[in-house]
Protein backbone atom coordinates (compact mmCIF):
# COMPACT_ATOMS: atom_id res chain seq x y z
CA MET A 1 -6.54 -124.71 -48.44
CA SER A 2 -6.62 -121.86 -45.96
CA ASN A 3 -3.68 -119.54 -45.44
CA ALA A 4 -3.14 -121.01 -41.97
CA ARG A 5 -2.77 -124.51 -43.38
CA ALA A 6 -0.34 -123.32 -46.06
CA PHE A 7 1.73 -121.57 -43.38
CA ILE A 8 1.77 -124.69 -41.23
CA TRP A 9 2.87 -126.87 -44.17
CA ILE A 10 5.72 -124.44 -44.90
CA PHE A 11 6.63 -124.45 -41.20
CA VAL A 12 6.61 -128.27 -41.12
CA TYR A 13 8.80 -128.50 -44.23
CA VAL A 14 11.33 -125.95 -42.98
CA GLN A 15 11.56 -127.48 -39.50
CA SER A 16 11.79 -130.98 -40.97
CA ALA A 17 14.67 -129.82 -43.16
CA PHE A 18 16.49 -128.33 -40.15
CA ILE A 19 15.96 -131.49 -38.11
CA ALA A 20 17.10 -133.67 -41.01
CA LEU A 21 20.26 -131.58 -41.41
CA ASP A 22 20.95 -131.77 -37.67
CA LEU A 23 20.39 -135.53 -37.67
CA TYR A 24 22.76 -135.88 -40.61
CA GLU A 25 25.39 -133.82 -38.78
CA HIS A 26 24.96 -135.92 -35.62
CA TRP A 27 25.14 -139.12 -37.66
CA ARG A 28 28.29 -137.91 -39.41
CA SER A 29 29.98 -137.08 -36.10
CA ALA A 30 28.79 -140.37 -34.52
CA ARG A 31 29.88 -142.46 -37.50
CA ARG A 32 33.31 -142.84 -35.98
CA ALA A 33 31.80 -144.32 -32.80
CA GLY A 34 29.50 -146.61 -34.76
CA ALA A 35 26.08 -145.41 -35.84
CA GLN A 36 24.25 -148.56 -34.78
CA ARG A 37 25.56 -148.27 -31.23
CA VAL A 38 24.59 -144.61 -31.02
CA ILE A 39 21.09 -145.35 -32.38
CA ARG A 40 20.67 -148.27 -29.99
CA GLU A 41 21.68 -146.11 -27.02
CA ASN A 42 19.35 -143.26 -28.03
CA VAL A 43 16.37 -145.12 -29.48
CA GLY A 44 14.07 -143.83 -26.74
CA LEU A 45 15.08 -140.25 -27.40
CA ILE A 46 14.71 -140.68 -31.16
CA LEU A 47 11.20 -142.10 -30.76
CA ALA A 48 10.24 -139.40 -28.24
CA VAL A 49 11.36 -136.57 -30.56
CA GLY A 50 9.55 -138.20 -33.48
CA ALA A 51 6.36 -138.62 -31.45
CA ALA A 52 6.58 -135.01 -30.23
CA CYS A 53 6.98 -133.75 -33.80
CA ILE A 54 4.02 -135.82 -35.04
CA GLY A 55 1.88 -134.73 -32.08
CA TYR A 56 2.78 -131.08 -32.56
CA CYS A 57 1.92 -131.23 -36.27
CA ALA A 58 -1.37 -133.01 -35.54
CA ILE A 59 -2.38 -130.32 -33.04
CA GLN A 60 -1.43 -127.53 -35.44
CA PHE A 61 -3.35 -129.09 -38.34
CA ALA A 62 -6.39 -129.64 -36.12
CA LEU A 63 -6.35 -126.01 -35.02
CA ALA A 64 -5.70 -124.76 -38.56
CA SER A 65 -8.70 -126.67 -39.87
CA ALA A 66 -10.90 -124.52 -37.63
CA PHE A 67 -9.87 -121.37 -39.51
CA PRO A 68 -11.88 -120.36 -42.56
CA ASN A 69 -10.06 -119.53 -45.77
CA ILE A 70 -9.63 -115.96 -47.02
CA VAL A 71 -12.57 -116.16 -49.44
CA LYS A 72 -14.97 -117.09 -46.62
CA LEU A 73 -13.59 -114.33 -44.42
CA THR A 74 -13.94 -111.75 -47.20
CA ASN A 75 -17.51 -112.80 -47.97
CA PHE A 76 -18.35 -112.64 -44.27
CA ALA A 77 -16.87 -109.15 -43.97
CA ILE A 78 -18.83 -107.93 -46.99
CA ARG A 79 -22.08 -109.35 -45.60
CA LEU A 80 -21.31 -107.91 -42.17
CA THR A 81 -20.80 -104.37 -43.43
CA ALA A 82 -23.58 -104.58 -46.05
CA SER A 83 -21.51 -102.44 -48.35
CA HIS A 84 -18.48 -102.97 -50.50
CA PRO A 85 -15.24 -102.34 -48.67
CA SER A 86 -13.25 -99.33 -49.74
CA SER A 87 -9.67 -99.65 -50.84
CA PRO A 88 -7.20 -99.67 -47.95
CA ASP A 89 -5.57 -96.43 -46.95
CA ALA A 90 -1.82 -96.73 -47.57
CA ARG A 91 -1.03 -94.33 -44.73
CA TRP A 92 -2.02 -96.99 -42.20
CA SER A 93 0.17 -99.76 -43.59
CA VAL A 94 3.44 -98.67 -41.95
CA PRO A 95 2.01 -97.97 -38.46
CA LEU A 96 -0.08 -101.14 -38.61
CA PHE A 97 2.98 -103.18 -39.61
CA ALA A 98 5.04 -101.57 -36.82
CA VAL A 99 2.40 -102.37 -34.19
CA ALA A 100 1.91 -105.95 -35.45
CA PHE A 101 5.68 -106.55 -35.58
CA SER A 102 6.16 -105.11 -32.10
CA MET A 103 3.36 -107.19 -30.61
CA GLY A 104 4.62 -110.37 -32.31
CA THR A 105 8.17 -109.74 -31.12
CA LEU A 106 6.95 -109.02 -27.59
CA PHE A 107 4.93 -112.25 -27.57
CA ASP A 108 7.96 -114.25 -28.80
CA TYR A 109 10.13 -112.68 -26.09
CA LEU A 110 7.58 -113.42 -23.35
CA VAL A 111 7.24 -117.05 -24.44
CA HIS A 112 11.03 -117.43 -24.63
CA ARG A 113 11.71 -115.71 -21.33
CA PHE A 114 8.94 -116.97 -19.09
CA LEU A 115 7.99 -120.33 -20.59
CA LEU A 116 11.17 -121.73 -22.10
CA HIS A 117 13.36 -120.39 -19.30
CA GLY A 118 10.87 -121.51 -16.69
CA PRO A 119 8.90 -124.75 -16.61
CA LEU A 120 10.09 -125.98 -20.02
CA TRP A 121 13.81 -125.34 -19.43
CA ARG A 122 14.83 -128.99 -19.96
CA LEU A 123 13.39 -128.84 -23.49
CA HIS A 124 15.19 -125.59 -24.23
CA GLU A 125 18.58 -125.70 -22.52
CA ASN A 126 20.34 -127.16 -25.57
CA HIS A 127 19.67 -123.84 -27.28
CA HIS A 128 21.96 -122.18 -24.73
CA LEU A 129 24.83 -124.66 -24.74
CA PRO A 130 27.88 -122.89 -26.18
CA SER A 131 29.21 -125.81 -28.24
CA VAL A 132 25.99 -127.43 -29.46
CA VAL A 133 23.19 -125.66 -31.30
CA SER A 134 20.73 -128.21 -32.57
CA ASN A 135 17.06 -128.70 -33.38
CA VAL A 136 17.41 -132.25 -32.11
CA MET A 137 17.70 -132.66 -28.35
CA PRO A 138 21.00 -134.02 -27.01
């Protein structure tokens, strides 16, 4: 299993746990109003969120299967350089981490600001509601 696939499985498990906890909290609060009535009224939404989660996972697994595992990448790098790689220089680890962290944070900000606050606002507005913070859409 490649590192990308392992990361995606961890991501799926963590997000599934958050969604399950949110669903439990919504069910607990809706229990007073009657869970069957709430489910009946929101069956379309429940199915849409489930289909979106399954579709998202399918796309991520399909893309992750295109990545080679670390052994194949290492063998390719050794063949490419035609010499054995030297041990990494520890002086570069902190600046490299700082640059990678900064670029990742910048990318997350740009996606959040210009995509989720733009054309995909309806999927994201629940994140900004002051009384409801949920992984499940309202």
